[in-house]
């Protein structure tokens, strides 16, 4: 308790000293204290409206994630979700000798047990075609697709003796409707498996160095991601060839997925290839698809950067008015900040009713119009309207639209800031700053 008392006493002494110092400064230079208070009030306005904008950003982020996740699940249930095709199991069964303790005698004995042993694939050749079929749920769009999957497996018995080889390829469970399933064994239609719902099953004896070719083909529907899970079992593949063609233009290779060997595009379709020999990998062949113009993910980022945009906007107006000795009351700045904030407030609702870019553009236009109209009503210097217009174009329009170009956002914002800086240099170069503050 004594420590808290000393801390409280110290705080009181510091505050008392600040009050005494402020009174002395006010008595000596009252105008200086008034200016400090003025800028402090403007700073408080900036903090309040910045916090409100960030709060709106968090609300949009949460709303988008919740709505997108809920609607994505609905689309996945109706159309089809992430398609994950596992590679087949390829194995033979044999007997191995094991030691065990006889529970009656307590002695160690031996016995044979049946075990399954994996066999490596001689070859896996995949041909995958993914056609974009955009799915809509309300105002949200999802990267649905139609899948045409073809694969050819070469099996080879590299064992010294003839063995009964087992092959099992499970069909993906989250692929909407799987249709046109076809299975071929050595080029002939395979009819040995009468129920393909539990996967493609084949078993048969193969002599030493004997080969079999099993081909499987089907069509399905999915959304968002396609994956061929090579890394699930880490089996050796003597030869891998995978070719995926798609008309999606916005796609990405997820983390921990195998990097393609080659990518070619003719403007309408993209061909992606993976190749490997004597391959053992823990990575998968995978692509994640998106939709151009689906900007819901970047909406919240735009709001999170509002403190920077508002700070630079206010800084530009302050420097200009100080340099030209235009006296604006803190209430003037409050209404200007309010006009700036209209963009974030109105935009947060408009993007729920119309598409993202039109909603942002309408909000920007209304916000800028309100600020210009208010500056016109103030009837100060004519150049103040021009400065407000330029500051709005740079710190509202350019800063906001930069987020729709995620690969160049930082560069665009930096370029806009430099343009504003040069404009301020030009307009204030001849100002005598000695008595302006």
Protein backbone atom coordinates (compact mmCIF):
# COMPACT_ATOMS: atom_id res chain seq x y z
CA UNK A 1 0.00 0.00 0.00
CA UNK A 2 2.87 2.35 0.79
CA UNK A 3 4.25 1.90 -2.74
CA UNK A 4 0.88 2.83 -4.29
CA UNK A 5 0.70 5.89 -2.07
CA UNK A 6 4.14 7.06 -3.20
CA UNK A 7 3.22 6.48 -6.87
CA UNK A 8 -0.01 8.46 -6.44
CA UNK A 9 1.89 11.28 -4.73
CA UNK A 10 4.43 11.35 -7.58
CA UNK A 11 1.67 11.56 -10.20
CA UNK A 12 0.00 14.41 -8.31
CA UNK A 13 3.29 16.33 -8.12
CA UNK A 14 3.90 15.91 -11.86
CA UNK A 15 0.36 17.07 -12.70
CA UNK A 16 0.70 20.04 -10.36
CA UNK A 17 3.98 21.01 -12.01
CA UNK A 18 2.38 20.75 -15.47
CA UNK A 19 -0.55 22.93 -14.38
CA UNK A 20 1.75 25.58 -12.89
CA UNK A 21 3.94 25.53 -16.01
CA UNK A 22 0.88 25.80 -18.28
CA UNK A 23 -0.43 28.80 -16.32
CA UNK A 24 2.96 30.53 -16.51
CA UNK A 25 3.19 29.89 -20.26
CA UNK A 26 -0.36 31.14 -20.76
CA UNK A 27 0.42 34.33 -18.83
CA UNK A 28 3.54 34.92 -20.93
CA UNK A 29 2.26 33.72 -24.33
CA UNK A 30 -1.49 33.08 -24.30
CA UNK A 31 -1.65 32.66 -28.08
CA UNK A 32 0.87 29.78 -27.95
CA UNK A 33 -1.23 27.87 -25.40
CA UNK A 34 -4.38 28.46 -27.45
CA UNK A 35 -2.67 27.02 -30.53
CA UNK A 36 -1.51 23.99 -28.56
CA UNK A 37 -5.06 23.44 -27.32
CA UNK A 38 -6.40 23.87 -30.85
CA UNK A 39 -4.05 21.27 -32.32
CA UNK A 40 -4.68 19.00 -29.34
CA UNK A 41 -8.44 19.14 -29.93
CA UNK A 42 -7.93 18.37 -33.64
CA UNK A 43 -5.72 15.45 -32.60
CA UNK A 44 -8.49 14.14 -30.32
CA UNK A 45 -10.96 14.37 -33.21
CA UNK A 46 -8.51 12.38 -35.36
CA UNK A 47 -8.14 9.68 -32.68
CA UNK A 48 -11.91 9.34 -32.20
CA UNK A 49 -12.77 9.05 -35.89
CA UNK A 50 -9.79 6.78 -36.58
CA UNK A 51 -10.96 4.45 -33.82
CA UNK A 52 -14.49 4.48 -35.25
CA UNK A 53 -13.19 3.63 -38.73
CA UNK A 54 -11.07 0.77 -37.39
CA UNK A 55 -14.09 -0.48 -35.45
CA UNK A 56 -16.11 -0.50 -38.67
CA UNK A 57 -13.25 -2.41 -40.31
CA UNK A 58 -13.39 -5.10 -37.62
CA UNK A 59 -17.17 -5.32 -38.01
CA UNK A 60 -16.86 -5.72 -41.79
CA UNK A 61 -14.13 -8.33 -41.37
CA UNK A 62 -16.20 -10.33 -38.91
CA UNK A 63 -19.37 -9.95 -40.98
CA UNK A 64 -17.62 -11.00 -44.18
CA UNK A 65 -15.96 -14.02 -42.59
CA UNK A 66 -19.19 -15.17 -40.96
CA UNK A 67 -21.35 -14.61 -44.04
CA UNK A 68 -18.76 -15.99 -46.46
CA UNK A 69 -18.15 -19.10 -44.36
CA UNK A 70 -21.87 -19.77 -43.93
CA UNK A 71 -22.64 -19.29 -47.62
CA UNK A 72 -19.53 -21.23 -48.68
CA UNK A 73 -20.79 -24.20 -46.66
CA UNK A 74 -24.19 -23.88 -48.32
CA UNK A 75 -22.60 -23.77 -51.79
CA UNK A 76 -20.36 -26.72 -50.92
CA UNK A 77 -23.31 -28.77 -49.69
CA UNK A 78 -25.37 -28.08 -52.82
CA UNK A 79 -22.75 -27.88 -55.58
CA UNK A 80 -19.62 -29.50 -54.15
CA UNK A 81 -16.74 -28.38 -51.96
CA UNK A 82 -12.99 -28.86 -51.87
CA UNK A 83 -12.12 -31.92 -53.95
CA UNK A 84 -9.30 -33.98 -52.49
CA UNK A 85 -8.37 -37.03 -54.53
CA UNK A 86 -6.13 -39.43 -52.63
CA UNK A 87 -3.75 -41.65 -54.59
CA UNK A 88 -4.59 -45.35 -54.57
CA UNK A 89 -3.39 -47.97 -52.12
CA UNK A 90 -1.12 -50.51 -53.79
CA UNK A 91 0.02 -53.41 -51.65
CA UNK A 92 0.42 -57.14 -51.26
CA UNK A 93 -0.08 -59.35 -48.24
CA UNK A 94 2.58 -61.62 -46.84
CA UNK A 95 3.45 -63.48 -43.67
CA UNK A 96 6.05 -62.34 -41.18
CA UNK A 97 7.45 -64.12 -38.17
CA UNK A 98 6.92 -62.37 -34.85
CA UNK A 99 7.74 -63.12 -31.24
CA UNK A 100 5.10 -63.05 -28.54
CA UNK A 101 4.77 -64.01 -24.90
CA UNK A 102 2.54 -66.98 -24.18
CA UNK A 103 0.16 -65.80 -21.47
CA UNK A 104 -0.20 -69.32 -20.05
CA UNK A 105 3.43 -70.39 -19.90
CA UNK A 106 5.11 -66.97 -19.79
CA UNK A 107 7.58 -68.12 -22.43
CA UNK A 108 8.52 -66.30 -25.63
CA UNK A 109 7.24 -68.05 -28.73
CA UNK A 110 7.06 -67.30 -32.44
CA UNK A 111 4.19 -67.20 -34.88
CA UNK A 112 3.32 -65.97 -38.36
CA UNK A 113 1.10 -62.95 -38.89
CA UNK A 114 -0.30 -61.45 -42.07
CA UNK A 115 0.94 -57.96 -42.94
CA UNK A 116 0.32 -55.57 -45.83
CA UNK A 117 3.33 -54.10 -47.61
CA UNK A 118 3.20 -51.15 -49.97
CA UNK A 119 4.48 -51.30 -53.53
CA UNK A 120 5.76 -48.31 -55.46
CA UNK A 121 4.06 -47.15 -58.66
CA UNK A 122 5.91 -47.54 -61.90
CA UNK A 123 4.04 -44.57 -63.36
CA UNK A 124 1.24 -42.10 -62.59
CA UNK A 125 -0.05 -39.95 -65.44
CA UNK A 126 -2.79 -37.43 -64.61
CA UNK A 127 -4.84 -35.26 -66.92
CA UNK A 128 -7.11 -32.85 -65.08
CA UNK A 129 -9.39 -30.26 -66.65
CA UNK A 130 -11.04 -27.66 -64.41
CA UNK A 131 -13.68 -25.40 -65.92
CA UNK A 132 -14.83 -22.32 -64.01
CA UNK A 133 -18.49 -22.36 -62.95
CA UNK A 134 -19.02 -19.36 -60.67
CA UNK A 135 -21.56 -20.00 -57.94
CA UNK A 136 -23.58 -17.11 -56.45
CA UNK A 137 -25.19 -16.80 -53.06
CA UNK A 138 -26.76 -13.39 -52.53
CA UNK A 139 -24.15 -10.78 -53.43
CA UNK A 140 -21.29 -13.21 -52.80
CA UNK A 141 -19.60 -15.20 -55.54
CA UNK A 142 -17.67 -18.43 -55.09
CA UNK A 143 -15.12 -20.10 -57.38
CA UNK A 144 -17.09 -23.20 -58.32
CA UNK A 145 -15.76 -25.50 -61.01
CA UNK A 146 -16.42 -28.62 -63.06
CA UNK A 147 -13.75 -31.28 -62.86
CA UNK A 148 -12.81 -33.85 -65.50
CA UNK A 149 -10.30 -36.19 -63.91
CA UNK A 150 -8.28 -38.79 -65.82
CA UNK A 151 -5.46 -40.87 -64.41
CA UNK A 152 -3.40 -43.79 -65.65
CA UNK A 153 -1.46 -46.02 -63.27
CA UNK A 154 1.24 -48.46 -64.33
CA UNK A 155 1.71 -51.24 -61.77
CA UNK A 156 4.77 -53.47 -61.86
CA UNK A 157 5.59 -56.44 -59.69
CA UNK A 158 9.23 -55.84 -58.79
CA UNK A 159 9.20 -58.72 -56.30
CA UNK A 160 11.10 -61.95 -57.00
CA UNK A 161 7.96 -64.08 -56.78
CA UNK A 162 4.40 -63.94 -58.07
CA UNK A 163 2.19 -62.08 -55.61
CA UNK A 164 -1.45 -61.17 -55.23
CA UNK A 165 -1.49 -57.38 -55.75
CA UNK A 166 -4.27 -55.19 -54.34
CA UNK A 167 -5.26 -51.83 -55.85
CA UNK A 168 -7.80 -49.51 -54.22
CA UNK A 169 -8.60 -45.98 -55.41
CA UNK A 170 -11.15 -44.17 -53.22
CA UNK A 171 -13.25 -41.55 -55.01
CA UNK A 172 -13.42 -38.08 -53.38
CA UNK A 173 -16.27 -37.73 -50.90
CA UNK A 174 -16.79 -33.95 -51.15
CA UNK A 175 -17.13 -33.71 -54.91
CA UNK A 176 -20.83 -33.05 -55.41
CA UNK A 177 -22.17 -35.43 -58.04
CA UNK A 178 -19.55 -37.83 -59.44
CA UNK A 179 -20.61 -38.95 -62.90
CA UNK A 180 -19.30 -40.82 -65.95
CA UNK A 181 -16.99 -43.05 -63.92
CA UNK A 182 -15.01 -45.33 -66.21
CA UNK A 183 -12.33 -47.88 -65.35
CA UNK A 184 -10.07 -49.66 -67.81
CA UNK A 185 -7.65 -52.53 -67.21
CA UNK A 186 -4.95 -52.87 -69.86
CA UNK A 187 -7.09 -50.88 -72.29
CA UNK A 188 -10.23 -52.97 -71.74
CA UNK A 189 -13.23 -51.79 -69.76
CA UNK A 190 -13.00 -53.23 -66.27
CA UNK A 191 -16.15 -54.89 -64.93
CA UNK A 192 -14.67 -56.74 -61.98
CA UNK A 193 -15.84 -54.10 -59.49
CA UNK A 194 -19.63 -53.91 -59.49
CA UNK A 195 -19.89 -51.18 -56.82
CA UNK A 196 -17.74 -48.13 -57.47
CA UNK A 197 -19.33 -46.17 -54.60
CA UNK A 198 -16.68 -47.57 -52.24
CA UNK A 199 -13.87 -46.89 -54.71
CA UNK A 200 -12.17 -48.72 -57.55
CA UNK A 201 -10.98 -52.14 -56.39
CA UNK A 202 -8.80 -54.61 -58.27
CA UNK A 203 -6.80 -57.57 -57.11
CA UNK A 204 -4.92 -60.18 -59.05
CA UNK A 205 -1.78 -62.25 -59.21
CA UNK A 206 1.17 -60.71 -61.00
CA UNK A 207 4.33 -62.54 -61.91
CA UNK A 208 7.82 -61.06 -61.49
CA UNK A 209 8.27 -57.91 -63.63
CA UNK A 210 4.69 -58.20 -64.92
CA UNK A 211 2.92 -54.88 -65.57
CA UNK A 212 -0.71 -53.81 -65.43
CA UNK A 213 -2.25 -50.54 -66.58
CA UNK A 214 -5.30 -49.22 -64.73
CA UNK A 215 -7.05 -46.10 -66.05
CA UNK A 216 -9.75 -44.22 -64.15
CA UNK A 217 -11.87 -41.33 -65.37
CA UNK A 218 -14.73 -39.38 -63.82
CA UNK A 219 -16.44 -35.98 -63.73
CA UNK A 220 -17.31 -34.03 -60.60
CA UNK A 221 -18.12 -30.59 -59.18
CA UNK A 222 -16.19 -28.62 -56.58
CA UNK A 223 -15.50 -25.19 -55.12
CA UNK A 224 -12.33 -23.36 -54.19
CA UNK A 225 -9.59 -25.98 -54.13
CA UNK A 226 -8.52 -29.10 -56.00
CA UNK A 227 -5.89 -31.39 -54.52
CA UNK A 228 -4.24 -34.65 -55.50
CA UNK A 229 -2.71 -35.85 -52.23
CA UNK A 230 0.60 -37.31 -53.30
CA UNK A 231 2.15 -36.51 -49.94
CA UNK A 232 -0.32 -38.53 -47.90
CA UNK A 233 1.55 -41.84 -48.07
CA UNK A 234 4.98 -40.79 -49.37
CA UNK A 235 5.25 -43.71 -51.76
CA UNK A 236 7.90 -43.89 -54.42
CA UNK A 237 6.75 -43.04 -57.95
CA UNK A 238 9.15 -44.02 -60.69
CA UNK A 239 7.52 -41.60 -63.13
CA UNK A 240 5.04 -38.80 -62.49
CA UNK A 241 3.33 -36.70 -65.13
CA UNK A 242 0.46 -34.39 -64.20
CA UNK A 243 -1.16 -31.86 -66.51
CA UNK A 244 -3.89 -29.55 -65.23
CA UNK A 245 -5.71 -27.18 -67.58
CA UNK A 246 -8.07 -24.48 -66.35
CA UNK A 247 -9.78 -21.32 -67.56
CA UNK A 248 -9.45 -19.72 -64.11
CA UNK A 249 -7.21 -16.67 -64.33
CA UNK A 250 -6.99 -16.08 -60.58
CA UNK A 251 -5.40 -19.10 -58.93
CA UNK A 252 -2.70 -19.78 -56.39
CA UNK A 253 -0.49 -22.65 -55.30
CA UNK A 254 -1.16 -23.25 -51.58
CA UNK A 255 1.59 -23.56 -49.01
CA UNK A 256 3.37 -26.92 -48.90
CA UNK A 257 2.07 -27.84 -52.35
CA UNK A 258 4.38 -29.06 -55.11
CA UNK A 259 5.76 -26.34 -57.36
CA UNK A 260 4.83 -26.88 -61.04
CA UNK A 261 7.53 -27.77 -63.55
CA UNK A 262 6.00 -25.58 -66.24
CA UNK A 263 3.10 -23.14 -66.74
CA UNK A 264 1.79 -22.06 -70.15
CA UNK A 265 -1.16 -19.81 -70.96
CA UNK A 266 -2.77 -18.78 -74.25
CA UNK A 267 -5.05 -16.14 -72.71
CA UNK A 268 -8.10 -18.39 -72.51
CA UNK A 269 -6.69 -21.44 -70.72
CA UNK A 270 -3.69 -22.17 -68.55
CA UNK A 271 -1.79 -25.45 -68.67
CA UNK A 272 0.16 -26.39 -65.54
CA UNK A 273 2.55 -29.35 -65.48
CA UNK A 274 4.23 -31.34 -62.73
CA UNK A 275 6.88 -33.90 -63.60
CA UNK A 276 9.19 -36.12 -61.59
CA UNK A 277 11.21 -39.33 -61.71
CA UNK A 278 11.97 -41.69 -58.82
CA UNK A 279 9.87 -39.31 -56.75
CA UNK A 280 9.19 -39.53 -53.02
CA UNK A 281 7.40 -36.44 -51.80
CA UNK A 282 5.51 -35.11 -48.82
CA UNK A 283 3.85 -32.45 -51.00
CA UNK A 284 0.57 -32.48 -52.88
CA UNK A 285 -0.49 -31.33 -56.31
CA UNK A 286 -2.90 -28.56 -55.43
CA UNK A 287 -4.45 -25.35 -56.75
CA UNK A 288 -6.60 -22.79 -54.97
CA UNK A 289 -8.98 -20.78 -57.12
CA UNK A 290 -10.43 -17.32 -56.66
CA UNK A 291 -12.53 -14.88 -58.68
CA UNK A 292 -11.23 -11.67 -60.19
CA UNK A 293 -13.12 -8.78 -58.63
CA UNK A 294 -14.02 -10.73 -55.49
CA UNK A 295 -12.71 -8.02 -53.15
CA UNK A 296 -14.51 -8.93 -49.95
CA UNK A 297 -11.25 -9.93 -48.28
CA UNK A 298 -9.62 -6.52 -48.84
CA UNK A 299 -12.57 -4.41 -47.66
CA UNK A 300 -11.55 -4.46 -44.01
CA UNK A 301 -7.91 -3.59 -44.86
CA UNK A 302 -9.13 -0.39 -46.48
CA UNK A 303 -10.74 0.63 -43.19
CA UNK A 304 -7.75 -0.41 -41.08
CA UNK A 305 -5.62 2.11 -42.99
CA UNK A 306 -8.07 4.95 -42.31
CA UNK A 307 -5.95 6.55 -39.51
CA UNK A 308 -3.06 7.01 -41.94
CA UNK A 309 -5.28 8.42 -44.70
CA UNK A 310 -7.07 10.79 -42.31
CA UNK A 311 -3.80 11.89 -40.69
CA UNK A 312 -2.23 12.80 -44.04
CA UNK A 313 -5.43 14.51 -45.20
CA UNK A 314 -5.61 16.63 -42.05
CA UNK A 315 -1.88 17.33 -42.19
CA UNK A 316 -2.19 18.67 -45.74
CA UNK A 317 -5.11 20.94 -44.83
CA UNK A 318 -3.36 22.16 -41.66
CA UNK A 319 -0.09 22.99 -43.40
CA UNK A 320 -1.90 24.84 -46.17
CA UNK A 321 -4.12 26.88 -43.84
CA UNK A 322 -1.18 27.74 -41.57
CA UNK A 323 1.00 28.80 -44.50
CA UNK A 324 -1.77 31.01 -45.93
CA UNK A 325 -2.87 32.26 -42.49
CA UNK A 326 -6.38 30.92 -43.03
CA UNK A 327 -7.94 30.73 -39.60
CA UNK A 328 -10.08 27.63 -39.22
CA UNK A 329 -11.74 26.80 -35.91
CA UNK A 330 -11.47 23.22 -34.53
CA UNK A 331 -15.18 22.89 -35.32
CA UNK A 332 -14.36 23.45 -38.99
CA UNK A 333 -11.89 20.57 -38.80
CA UNK A 334 -14.47 18.45 -36.97
CA UNK A 335 -16.96 18.86 -39.83
CA UNK A 336 -14.24 18.20 -42.41
CA UNK A 337 -13.27 15.02 -40.56
CA UNK A 338 -16.96 14.10 -40.41
CA UNK A 339 -17.22 14.53 -44.18
CA UNK A 340 -14.14 12.34 -44.61
CA UNK A 341 -15.65 9.74 -42.26
CA UNK A 342 -18.85 9.60 -44.34
CA UNK A 343 -16.90 7.51 -46.85
CA UNK A 344 -16.19 4.77 -44.30
CA UNK A 345 -19.63 4.87 -42.70
CA UNK A 346 -21.62 4.87 -45.94
CA UNK A 347 -19.24 2.45 -47.67
CA UNK A 348 -19.61 -0.13 -44.91
CA UNK A 349 -23.33 -0.39 -45.73
CA UNK A 350 -23.28 0.11 -49.50
CA UNK A 351 -20.97 -2.87 -50.08
CA UNK A 352 -23.71 -5.03 -48.55
CA UNK A 353 -26.25 -3.87 -51.14
CA UNK A 354 -24.24 -3.41 -54.32
CA UNK A 355 -20.94 -4.75 -55.63
CA UNK A 356 -17.74 -3.75 -53.89
CA UNK A 357 -16.17 -1.34 -56.39
CA UNK A 358 -19.39 0.59 -57.25
CA UNK A 359 -20.16 0.86 -53.52
CA UNK A 360 -16.71 2.28 -52.76
CA UNK A 361 -16.84 4.71 -55.70
CA UNK A 362 -20.28 6.04 -54.72
CA UNK A 363 -19.14 6.47 -51.09
CA UNK A 364 -15.98 8.29 -52.19
CA UNK A 365 -17.93 10.64 -54.46
CA UNK A 366 -20.49 11.50 -51.77
CA UNK A 367 -17.82 12.02 -49.09
CA UNK A 368 -15.71 14.27 -51.32
CA UNK A 369 -18.80 16.20 -52.41
CA UNK A 370 -19.78 16.88 -48.80
CA UNK A 371 -16.28 18.14 -47.91
CA UNK A 372 -16.05 20.40 -50.98
CA UNK A 373 -19.53 21.79 -50.36
CA UNK A 374 -18.64 22.56 -46.73
CA UNK A 375 -15.36 24.26 -47.69
CA UNK A 376 -17.32 26.33 -50.22
CA UNK A 377 -19.78 27.35 -47.48
CA UNK A 378 -16.93 28.43 -45.18
CA UNK A 379 -16.05 31.06 -47.80
CA UNK A 380 -12.40 31.36 -46.92
CA UNK A 381 -9.72 31.41 -49.62
CA UNK A 382 -10.65 29.93 -53.01
CA UNK A 383 -7.47 27.83 -53.04
CA UNK A 384 -8.73 25.95 -49.98
CA UNK A 385 -11.31 24.24 -52.20
CA UNK A 386 -8.57 23.15 -54.59
CA UNK A 387 -6.37 21.85 -51.76
CA UNK A 388 -9.28 19.92 -50.26
CA UNK A 389 -10.04 18.44 -53.69
CA UNK A 390 -6.43 17.34 -54.25
CA UNK A 391 -6.08 15.98 -50.70
CA UNK A 392 -9.31 14.03 -51.09
CA UNK A 393 -8.27 12.60 -54.47
CA UNK A 394 -4.94 11.43 -53.09
CA UNK A 395 -5.71 10.35 -49.52
CA UNK A 396 -9.21 9.05 -50.15
CA UNK A 397 -9.43 7.96 -53.77
CA UNK A 398 -5.89 6.78 -54.49
CA UNK A 399 -5.38 5.28 -51.02
CA UNK A 400 -8.69 3.39 -51.23
CA UNK A 401 -8.44 2.16 -54.82
CA UNK A 402 -4.85 1.00 -54.18
CA UNK A 403 -6.22 -1.93 -52.15
CA UNK A 404 -7.88 -3.34 -55.27
CA UNK A 405 -4.39 -3.95 -56.66
CA UNK A 406 -2.94 -6.05 -53.81
CA UNK A 407 0.39 -6.65 -55.54
CA UNK A 408 0.98 -2.90 -55.93
CA UNK A 409 -0.85 -1.40 -52.92
CA UNK A 410 2.27 -0.17 -51.14
CA UNK A 411 3.73 1.32 -54.30
CA UNK A 412 0.51 3.17 -55.21
CA UNK A 413 0.13 4.59 -51.68
CA UNK A 414 3.79 5.67 -51.66
CA UNK A 415 3.42 7.29 -55.08
CA UNK A 416 0.29 9.17 -53.98
CA UNK A 417 2.04 10.40 -50.83
CA UNK A 418 4.99 11.66 -52.87
CA UNK A 419 2.65 13.54 -55.22
CA UNK A 420 0.95 15.19 -52.23
CA UNK A 421 4.33 16.03 -50.71
CA UNK A 422 5.53 17.68 -53.94
CA UNK A 423 2.27 19.65 -54.18
CA UNK A 424 2.76 20.92 -50.61
CA UNK A 425 6.37 21.83 -51.37
CA UNK A 426 5.24 23.89 -54.33
CA UNK A 427 2.44 25.69 -52.49
CA UNK A 428 4.49 26.50 -49.36
CA UNK A 429 8.00 27.04 -50.76
CA UNK A 430 7.81 30.85 -50.43
CA UNK A 431 6.25 30.83 -46.96
CA UNK A 432 8.12 32.40 -44.05
CA UNK A 433 7.49 29.81 -41.34
CA UNK A 434 9.12 31.87 -38.58
CA UNK A 435 5.89 33.25 -37.14
CA UNK A 436 3.35 30.81 -38.52
CA UNK A 437 3.10 28.50 -35.50
